[in-house]
PDB file of N, CA and C in Angstrom:
ATOM      1  N   MET A   1     186.287  -7.368 167.225  1.00  0.00           N
ATOM      2  CA  MET A   1     185.007  -7.925 167.588  1.00  0.00           C
ATOM      3  C   MET A   1     184.293  -8.350 166.312  1.00  0.00           C
ATOM      4  N   THR A   2     183.764  -9.553 166.302  1.00  0.00           N
ATOM      5  CA  THR A   2     183.064 -10.068 165.132  1.00  0.00           C
ATOM      6  C   THR A   2     181.565  -9.765 165.225  1.00  0.00           C
ATOM      7  N   LYS A   3     180.871 -10.016 164.121  1.00  0.00           N
ATOM      8  CA  LYS A   3     179.425  -9.795 164.096  1.00  0.00           C
ATOM      9  C   LYS A   3     178.735 -10.685 165.131  1.00  0.00           C
ATOM     10  N   ALA A   4     179.179 -11.922 165.256  1.00  0.00           N
ATOM     11  CA  ALA A   4     178.584 -12.839 166.234  1.00  0.00           C
ATOM     12  C   ALA A   4     178.785 -12.333 167.660  1.00  0.00           C
ATOM     13  N   GLU A   5     179.941 -11.759 167.935  1.00  0.00           N
ATOM     14  CA  GLU A   5     180.208 -11.205 169.264  1.00  0.00           C
ATOM     15  C   GLU A   5     179.344  -9.984 169.541  1.00  0.00           C
ATOM     16  N   ILE A   6     179.122  -9.157 168.512  1.00  0.00           N
ATOM     17  CA  ILE A   6     178.242  -7.989 168.662  1.00  0.00           C
ATOM     18  C   ILE A   6     176.819  -8.460 168.969  1.00  0.00           C
ATOM     19  N   VAL A   7     176.345  -9.454 168.238  1.00  0.00           N
ATOM     20  CA  VAL A   7     174.991  -9.986 168.459  1.00  0.00           C
ATOM     21  C   VAL A   7     174.884 -10.525 169.882  1.00  0.00           C
ATOM     22  N   LYS A   8     175.874 -11.269 170.316  1.00  0.00           N
ATOM     23  CA  LYS A   8     175.871 -11.853 171.660  1.00  0.00           C
ATOM     24  C   LYS A   8     175.845 -10.765 172.733  1.00  0.00           C
ATOM     25  N   GLU A   9     176.659  -9.728 172.556  1.00  0.00           N
ATOM     26  CA  GLU A   9     176.748  -8.629 173.530  1.00  0.00           C
ATOM     27  C   GLU A   9     175.441  -7.852 173.600  1.00  0.00           C
ATOM     28  N   VAL A  10     174.862  -7.514 172.462  1.00  0.00           N
ATOM     29  CA  VAL A  10     173.600  -6.761 172.434  1.00  0.00           C
ATOM     30  C   VAL A  10     172.476  -7.610 173.019  1.00  0.00           C
ATOM     31  N   SER A  11     172.469  -8.880 172.692  1.00  0.00           N
ATOM     32  CA  SER A  11     171.450  -9.781 173.219  1.00  0.00           C
ATOM     33  C   SER A  11     171.535  -9.867 174.739  1.00  0.00           C
ATOM     34  N   LYS A  12     172.758  -9.954 175.247  1.00  0.00           N
ATOM     35  CA  LYS A  12     172.953 -10.053 176.690  1.00  0.00           C
ATOM     36  C   LYS A  12     172.555  -8.760 177.397  1.00  0.00           C
ATOM     37  N   SER A  13     172.889  -7.609 176.811  1.00  0.00           N
ATOM     38  CA  SER A  13     172.616  -6.336 177.480  1.00  0.00           C
ATOM     39  C   SER A  13     171.153  -5.894 177.378  1.00  0.00           C
ATOM     40  N   THR A  14     170.446  -6.347 176.327  1.00  0.00           N
ATOM     41  CA  THR A  14     169.054  -5.933 176.159  1.00  0.00           C
ATOM     42  C   THR A  14     168.047  -6.994 176.566  1.00  0.00           C
ATOM     43  N   GLY A  15     168.462  -8.240 176.616  1.00  0.00           N
ATOM     44  CA  GLY A  15     167.540  -9.315 176.949  1.00  0.00           C
ATOM     45  C   GLY A  15     166.710  -9.799 175.767  1.00  0.00           C
ATOM     46  N   ILE A  16     167.051  -9.338 174.576  1.00  0.00           N
ATOM     47  CA  ILE A  16     166.350  -9.751 173.353  1.00  0.00           C
ATOM     48  C   ILE A  16     167.037 -11.003 172.806  1.00  0.00           C
ATOM     49  N   GLU A  17     166.262 -11.891 172.207  1.00  0.00           N
ATOM     50  CA  GLU A  17     166.814 -13.128 171.651  1.00  0.00           C
ATOM     51  C   GLU A  17     167.913 -12.836 170.637  1.00  0.00           C
ATOM     52  N   ALA A  18     168.917 -13.694 170.615  1.00  0.00           N
ATOM     53  CA  ALA A  18     170.046 -13.517 169.706  1.00  0.00           C
ATOM     54  C   ALA A  18     169.606 -13.582 168.243  1.00  0.00           C
ATOM     55  N   THR A  19     168.619 -14.397 167.927  1.00  0.00           N
ATOM     56  CA  THR A  19     168.160 -14.497 166.536  1.00  0.00           C
ATOM     57  C   THR A  19     167.527 -13.184 166.073  1.00  0.00           C
ATOM     58  N   THR A  20     166.793 -12.534 166.960  1.00  0.00           N
ATOM     59  CA  THR A  20     166.179 -11.245 166.631  1.00  0.00           C
ATOM     60  C   THR A  20     167.248 -10.174 166.455  1.00  0.00           C
ATOM     61  N   VAL A  21     168.209 -10.146 167.376  1.00  0.00           N
ATOM     62  CA  VAL A  21     169.302  -9.172 167.288  1.00  0.00           C
ATOM     63  C   VAL A  21     170.098  -9.404 166.015  1.00  0.00           C
ATOM     64  N   SER A  22     170.350 -10.659 165.674  1.00  0.00           N
ATOM     65  CA  SER A  22     171.088 -10.986 164.454  1.00  0.00           C
ATOM     66  C   SER A  22     170.354 -10.476 163.221  1.00  0.00           C
ATOM     67  N   ALA A  23     169.038 -10.631 163.191  1.00  0.00           N
ATOM     68  CA  ALA A  23     168.243 -10.146 162.058  1.00  0.00           C
ATOM     69  C   ALA A  23     168.314  -8.626 161.957  1.00  0.00           C
ATOM     70  N   VAL A  24     168.293  -7.946 163.096  1.00  0.00           N
ATOM     71  CA  VAL A  24     168.381  -6.477 163.093  1.00  0.00           C
ATOM     72  C   VAL A  24     169.757  -6.031 162.602  1.00  0.00           C
ATOM     73  N   VAL A  25     170.809  -6.675 163.086  1.00  0.00           N
ATOM     74  CA  VAL A  25     172.175  -6.320 162.662  1.00  0.00           C
ATOM     75  C   VAL A  25     172.333  -6.560 161.162  1.00  0.00           C
ATOM     76  N   GLU A  26     171.857  -7.703 160.680  1.00  0.00           N
ATOM     77  CA  GLU A  26     171.915  -7.999 159.239  1.00  0.00           C
ATOM     78  C   GLU A  26     171.133  -6.964 158.437  1.00  0.00           C
ATOM     79  N   GLY A  27     169.946  -6.605 158.920  1.00  0.00           N
ATOM     80  CA  GLY A  27     169.136  -5.600 158.242  1.00  0.00           C
ATOM     81  C   GLY A  27     169.820  -4.243 158.200  1.00  0.00           C
ATOM     82  N   PHE A  28     170.451  -3.870 159.311  1.00  0.00           N
ATOM     83  CA  PHE A  28     171.179  -2.606 159.356  1.00  0.00           C
ATOM     84  C   PHE A  28     172.305  -2.601 158.330  1.00  0.00           C
ATOM     85  N   MET A  29     173.087  -3.676 158.293  1.00  0.00           N
ATOM     86  CA  MET A  29     174.213  -3.734 157.362  1.00  0.00           C
ATOM     87  C   MET A  29     173.745  -3.710 155.909  1.00  0.00           C
ATOM     88  N   GLU A  30     172.673  -4.415 155.596  1.00  0.00           N
ATOM     89  CA  GLU A  30     172.142  -4.411 154.230  1.00  0.00           C
ATOM     90  C   GLU A  30     171.630  -3.022 153.845  1.00  0.00           C
ATOM     91  N   THR A  31     170.989  -2.336 154.789  1.00  0.00           N
ATOM     92  CA  THR A  31     170.497  -0.983 154.523  1.00  0.00           C
ATOM     93  C   THR A  31     171.658  -0.028 154.266  1.00  0.00           C
ATOM     94  N   VAL A  32     172.708  -0.122 155.077  1.00  0.00           N
ATOM     95  CA  VAL A  32     173.889   0.738 154.893  1.00  0.00           C
ATOM     96  C   VAL A  32     174.515   0.470 153.530  1.00  0.00           C
ATOM     97  N   LYS A  33     174.721  -0.789 153.189  1.00  0.00           N
ATOM     98  CA  LYS A  33     175.339  -1.120 151.900  1.00  0.00           C
ATOM     99  C   LYS A  33     174.475  -0.661 150.735  1.00  0.00           C
ATOM    100  N   GLY A  34     173.173  -0.909 150.807  1.00  0.00           N
ATOM    101  CA  GLY A  34     172.282  -0.516 149.722  1.00  0.00           C
ATOM    102  C   GLY A  34     172.204   0.987 149.540  1.00  0.00           C
ATOM    103  N   THR A  35     172.145   1.701 150.646  1.00  0.00           N
ATOM    104  CA  THR A  35     172.074   3.165 150.582  1.00  0.00           C
ATOM    105  C   THR A  35     173.360   3.754 150.019  1.00  0.00           C
ATOM    106  N   MET A  36     174.491   3.227 150.468  1.00  0.00           N
ATOM    107  CA  MET A  36     175.766   3.743 149.970  1.00  0.00           C
ATOM    108  C   MET A  36     176.000   3.353 148.515  1.00  0.00           C
ATOM    109  N   ALA A  37     175.488   2.206 148.095  1.00  0.00           N
ATOM    110  CA  ALA A  37     175.609   1.802 146.693  1.00  0.00           C
ATOM    111  C   ALA A  37     174.872   2.775 145.781  1.00  0.00           C
ATOM    112  N   LYS A  38     173.818   3.412 146.303  1.00  0.00           N
ATOM    113  CA  LYS A  38     173.080   4.427 145.545  1.00  0.00           C
ATOM    114  C   LYS A  38     173.809   5.776 145.547  1.00  0.00           C
ATOM    115  N   GLY A  39     174.879   5.893 146.335  1.00  0.00           N
ATOM    116  CA  GLY A  39     175.640   7.132 146.396  1.00  0.00           C
ATOM    117  C   GLY A  39     175.188   8.075 147.494  1.00  0.00           C
ATOM    118  N   GLU A  40     174.347   7.595 148.416  1.00  0.00           N
ATOM    119  CA  GLU A  40     173.837   8.440 149.490  1.00  0.00           C
ATOM    120  C   GLU A  40     174.669   8.235 150.758  1.00  0.00           C
ATOM    121  N   ASN A  41     174.764   9.282 151.572  1.00  0.00           N
ATOM    122  CA  ASN A  41     175.467   9.209 152.853  1.00  0.00           C
ATOM    123  C   ASN A  41     174.489   8.862 153.964  1.00  0.00           C
ATOM    124  N   ILE A  42     175.016   8.311 155.058  1.00  0.00           N
ATOM    125  CA  ILE A  42     174.199   7.952 156.210  1.00  0.00           C
ATOM    126  C   ILE A  42     174.759   8.674 157.422  1.00  0.00           C
ATOM    127  N   TYR A  43     173.901   9.425 158.118  1.00  0.00           N
ATOM    128  CA  TYR A  43     174.305  10.203 159.279  1.00  0.00           C
ATOM    129  C   TYR A  43     173.675   9.607 160.538  1.00  0.00           C
ATOM    130  N   LEU A  44     174.495   9.145 161.464  1.00  0.00           N
ATOM    131  CA  LEU A  44     174.020   8.604 162.734  1.00  0.00           C
ATOM    132  C   LEU A  44     174.509   9.530 163.841  1.00  0.00           C
ATOM    133  N   ARG A  45     173.616  10.395 164.310  1.00  0.00           N
ATOM    134  CA  ARG A  45     173.971  11.375 165.330  1.00  0.00           C
ATOM    135  C   ARG A  45     174.503  10.664 166.573  1.00  0.00           C
ATOM    136  N   GLY A  46     175.641  11.131 167.065  1.00  0.00           N
ATOM    137  CA  GLY A  46     176.257  10.543 168.245  1.00  0.00           C
ATOM    138  C   GLY A  46     177.145   9.348 167.933  1.00  0.00           C
ATOM    139  N   PHE A  47     177.234   8.960 166.656  1.00  0.00           N
ATOM    140  CA  PHE A  47     178.069   7.827 166.266  1.00  0.00           C
ATOM    141  C   PHE A  47     179.030   8.211 165.157  1.00  0.00           C
ATOM    142  N   GLY A  48     178.505   8.636 164.014  1.00  0.00           N
ATOM    143  CA  GLY A  48     179.371   9.029 162.910  1.00  0.00           C
ATOM    144  C   GLY A  48     178.624   9.061 161.594  1.00  0.00           C
ATOM    145  N   THR A  49     179.388   9.212 160.514  1.00  0.00           N
ATOM    146  CA  THR A  49     178.830   9.337 159.183  1.00  0.00           C
ATOM    147  C   THR A  49     179.469   8.319 158.254  1.00  0.00           C
ATOM    148  N   PHE A  50     178.626   7.573 157.545  1.00  0.00           N
ATOM    149  CA  PHE A  50     179.095   6.707 156.473  1.00  0.00           C
ATOM    150  C   PHE A  50     178.970   7.530 155.195  1.00  0.00           C
ATOM    151  N   GLU A  51     180.092   7.799 154.538  1.00  0.00           N
ATOM    152  CA  GLU A  51     180.095   8.657 153.358  1.00  0.00           C
ATOM    153  C   GLU A  51     180.600   7.902 152.138  1.00  0.00           C
ATOM    154  N   VAL A  52     180.116   8.338 150.966  1.00  0.00           N
ATOM    155  CA  VAL A  52     180.640   7.865 149.696  1.00  0.00           C
ATOM    156  C   VAL A  52     181.499   8.995 149.147  1.00  0.00           C
ATOM    157  N   LYS A  53     182.796   8.743 149.017  1.00  0.00           N
ATOM    158  CA  LYS A  53     183.706   9.763 148.497  1.00  0.00           C
ATOM    159  C   LYS A  53     184.192   9.357 147.112  1.00  0.00           C
ATOM    160  N   THR A  54     184.450  10.355 146.294  1.00  0.00           N
ATOM    161  CA  THR A  54     184.947  10.119 144.946  1.00  0.00           C
ATOM    162  C   THR A  54     186.444  10.382 144.918  1.00  0.00           C
ATOM    163  N   ARG A  55     187.176   9.393 144.473  1.00  0.00           N
ATOM    164  CA  ARG A  55     188.622   9.550 144.302  1.00  0.00           C
ATOM    165  C   ARG A  55     188.878   9.937 142.856  1.00  0.00           C
ATOM    166  N   LYS A  56     189.690  10.963 142.655  1.00  0.00           N
ATOM    167  CA  LYS A  56     189.992  11.450 141.315  1.00  0.00           C
ATOM    168  C   LYS A  56     190.844  10.442 140.554  1.00  0.00           C
ATOM    169  N   ALA A  57     190.793  10.556 139.229  1.00  0.00           N
ATOM    170  CA  ALA A  57     191.646   9.712 138.385  1.00  0.00           C
ATOM    171  C   ALA A  57     193.100  10.091 138.638  1.00  0.00           C
ATOM    172  N   LYS A  58     193.980   9.104 138.578  1.00  0.00           N
ATOM    173  CA  LYS A  58     195.395   9.381 138.808  1.00  0.00           C
ATOM    174  C   LYS A  58     196.254   8.405 138.021  1.00  0.00           C
ATOM    175  N   THR A  59     197.527   8.707 137.980  1.00  0.00           N
ATOM    176  CA  THR A  59     198.479   7.858 137.291  1.00  0.00           C
ATOM    177  C   THR A  59     199.191   6.985 138.315  1.00  0.00           C
ATOM    178  N   GLY A  60     199.237   5.699 138.045  1.00  0.00           N
ATOM    179  CA  GLY A  60     199.942   4.767 138.915  1.00  0.00           C
ATOM    180  C   GLY A  60     201.034   4.073 138.138  1.00  0.00           C
ATOM    181  N   ARG A  61     201.805   3.221 138.817  1.00  0.00           N
ATOM    182  CA  ARG A  61     202.893   2.507 138.159  1.00  0.00           C
ATOM    183  C   ARG A  61     202.770   1.011 138.419  1.00  0.00           C
ATOM    184  N   ASN A  62     202.958   0.231 137.379  1.00  0.00           N
ATOM    185  CA  ASN A  62     203.079  -1.205 137.512  1.00  0.00           C
ATOM    186  C   ASN A  62     204.569  -1.483 137.599  1.00  0.00           C
ATOM    187  N   ILE A  63     205.060  -1.728 138.806  1.00  0.00           N
ATOM    188  CA  ILE A  63     206.510  -1.819 138.987  1.00  0.00           C
ATOM    189  C   ILE A  63     207.103  -3.100 138.405  1.00  0.00           C
ATOM    190  N   THR A  64     206.296  -4.149 138.230  1.00  0.00           N
ATOM    191  CA  THR A  64     206.842  -5.377 137.648  1.00  0.00           C
ATOM    192  C   THR A  64     207.115  -5.227 136.161  1.00  0.00           C
ATOM    193  N   LYS A  65     206.269  -4.471 135.464  1.00  0.00           N
ATOM    194  CA  LYS A  65     206.453  -4.260 134.025  1.00  0.00           C
ATOM    195  C   LYS A  65     207.041  -2.892 133.717  1.00  0.00           C
ATOM    196  N   ASN A  66     207.221  -2.058 134.758  1.00  0.00           N
ATOM    197  CA  ASN A  66     207.756  -0.707 134.618  1.00  0.00           C
ATOM    198  C   ASN A  66     206.939   0.107 133.611  1.00  0.00           C
ATOM    199  N   THR A  67     205.607   0.078 133.776  1.00  0.00           N
ATOM    200  CA  THR A  67     204.731   0.832 132.896  1.00  0.00           C
ATOM    201  C   THR A  67     203.829   1.751 133.715  1.00  0.00           C
ATOM    202  N   THR A  68     203.304   2.744 133.051  1.00  0.00           N
ATOM    203  CA  THR A  68     202.382   3.677 133.679  1.00  0.00           C
ATOM    204  C   THR A  68     200.955   3.177 133.458  1.00  0.00           C
ATOM    205  N   VAL A  69     200.136   3.259 134.519  1.00  0.00           N
ATOM    206  CA  VAL A  69     198.748   2.814 134.459  1.00  0.00           C
ATOM    207  C   VAL A  69     197.858   3.973 134.891  1.00  0.00           C
ATOM    208  N   ILE A  70     196.794   4.198 134.146  1.00  0.00           N
ATOM    209  CA  ILE A  70     195.825   5.222 134.516  1.00  0.00           C
ATOM    210  C   ILE A  70     194.778   4.567 135.414  1.00  0.00           C
ATOM    211  N   ILE A  71     194.634   5.081 136.630  1.00  0.00           N
ATOM    212  CA  ILE A  71     193.611   4.595 137.561  1.00  0.00           C
ATOM    213  C   ILE A  71     192.419   5.533 137.418  1.00  0.00           C
ATOM    214  N   PRO A  72     191.274   5.030 136.956  1.00  0.00           N
ATOM    215  CA  PRO A  72     190.129   5.915 136.709  1.00  0.00           C
ATOM    216  C   PRO A  72     189.514   6.438 138.007  1.00  0.00           C
ATOM    217  N   GLU A  73     188.716   7.487 137.865  1.00  0.00           N
ATOM    218  CA  GLU A  73     187.974   8.030 139.001  1.00  0.00           C
ATOM    219  C   GLU A  73     187.030   6.948 139.521  1.00  0.00           C
ATOM    220  N   HIS A  74     186.936   6.823 140.839  1.00  0.00           N
ATOM    221  CA  HIS A  74     186.061   5.811 141.420  1.00  0.00           C
ATOM    222  C   HIS A  74     185.569   6.262 142.780  1.00  0.00           C
ATOM    223  N   LYS A  75     184.535   5.584 143.265  1.00  0.00           N
ATOM    224  CA  LYS A  75     183.934   5.928 144.553  1.00  0.00           C
ATOM    225  C   LYS A  75     184.339   4.903 145.597  1.00  0.00           C
ATOM    226  N   VAL A  76     184.538   5.377 146.833  1.00  0.00           N
ATOM    227  CA  VAL A  76     184.910   4.495 147.933  1.00  0.00           C
ATOM    228  C   VAL A  76     184.048   4.816 149.151  1.00  0.00           C
ATOM    229  N   PRO A  77     183.674   3.787 149.923  1.00  0.00           N
ATOM    230  CA  PRO A  77     182.938   4.043 151.158  1.00  0.00           C
ATOM    231  C   PRO A  77     183.905   4.434 152.272  1.00  0.00           C
ATOM    232  N   THR A  78     183.519   5.403 153.085  1.00  0.00           N
ATOM    233  CA  THR A  78     184.345   5.830 154.220  1.00  0.00           C
ATOM    234  C   THR A  78     183.461   5.988 155.452  1.00  0.00           C
ATOM    235  N   PHE A  79     184.105   6.014 156.615  1.00  0.00           N
ATOM    236  CA  PHE A  79     183.393   6.258 157.863  1.00  0.00           C
ATOM    237  C   PHE A  79     184.119   7.361 158.606  1.00  0.00           C
ATOM    238  N   LYS A  80     183.370   8.358 159.060  1.00  0.00           N
ATOM    239  CA  LYS A  80     183.928   9.457 159.830  1.00  0.00           C
ATOM    240  C   LYS A  80     183.231   9.474 161.187  1.00  0.00           C
ATOM    241  N   PRO A  81     183.953   9.126 162.269  1.00  0.00           N
ATOM    242  CA  PRO A  81     183.315   9.106 163.590  1.00  0.00           C
ATOM    243  C   PRO A  81     183.014  10.514 164.089  1.00  0.00           C
ATOM    244  N   CYS A  82     182.005  10.630 164.966  1.00  0.00           N
ATOM    245  CA  CYS A  82     181.672  11.928 165.546  1.00  0.00           C
ATOM    246  C   CYS A  82     182.749  12.297 166.570  1.00  0.00           C
ATOM    247  N   PRO A  83     182.870  13.558 166.937  1.00  0.00           N
ATOM    248  CA  PRO A  83     183.910  13.986 167.881  1.00  0.00           C
ATOM    249  C   PRO A  83     183.889  13.244 169.222  1.00  0.00           C
ATOM    250  N   ASP A  84     182.683  12.970 169.754  1.00  0.00           N
ATOM    251  CA  ASP A  84     182.602  12.234 171.020  1.00  0.00           C
ATOM    252  C   ASP A  84     183.192  10.837 170.881  1.00  0.00           C
ATOM    253  N   PHE A  85     182.902  10.182 169.763  1.00  0.00           N
ATOM    254  CA  PHE A  85     183.418   8.853 169.496  1.00  0.00           C
ATOM    255  C   PHE A  85     184.945   8.891 169.406  1.00  0.00           C
ATOM    256  N   LYS A  86     185.478   9.885 168.679  1.00  0.00           N
ATOM    257  CA  LYS A  86     186.931  10.035 168.559  1.00  0.00           C
ATOM    258  C   LYS A  86     187.587  10.198 169.929  1.00  0.00           C
ATOM    259  N   ASN A  87     186.976  11.033 170.769  1.00  0.00           N
ATOM    260  CA  ASN A  87     187.551  11.294 172.089  1.00  0.00           C
ATOM    261  C   ASN A  87     187.500  10.050 172.976  1.00  0.00           C
ATOM    262  N   MET A  88     186.483   9.206 172.830  1.00  0.00           N
ATOM    263  CA  MET A  88     186.405   7.971 173.608  1.00  0.00           C
ATOM    264  C   MET A  88     187.534   7.015 173.242  1.00  0.00           C
ATOM    265  N   VAL A  89     187.893   6.999 171.962  1.00  0.00           N
ATOM    266  CA  VAL A  89     188.920   6.074 171.495  1.00  0.00           C
ATOM    267  C   VAL A  89     190.317   6.559 171.872  1.00  0.00           C
ATOM    268  N   LYS A  90     190.509   7.859 171.926  1.00  0.00           N
ATOM    269  CA  LYS A  90     191.841   8.418 172.226  1.00  0.00           C
ATOM    270  C   LYS A  90     192.356   7.970 173.538  1.00  0.00           C
TER     271      LYS A  90
END
């Protein structure tokens, strides 16, 4: 499902104009990205958690040059659905 399809579906189910729904969806996504860029987690009860996790430094291999590469510690965004959400998908 694309962002446009989400906007269309929410607009149809709520009766709110698509332009307003689109602005809300865009605002939500910008807030999530900005908050996670600061290193903070977002908890949405009944939906899930957007978390920033730190991956430890590790050794990797460049197989084309057959050399060892050090991959530094870095942060990655993750999403962990709530148990109800997991059970709905199963």
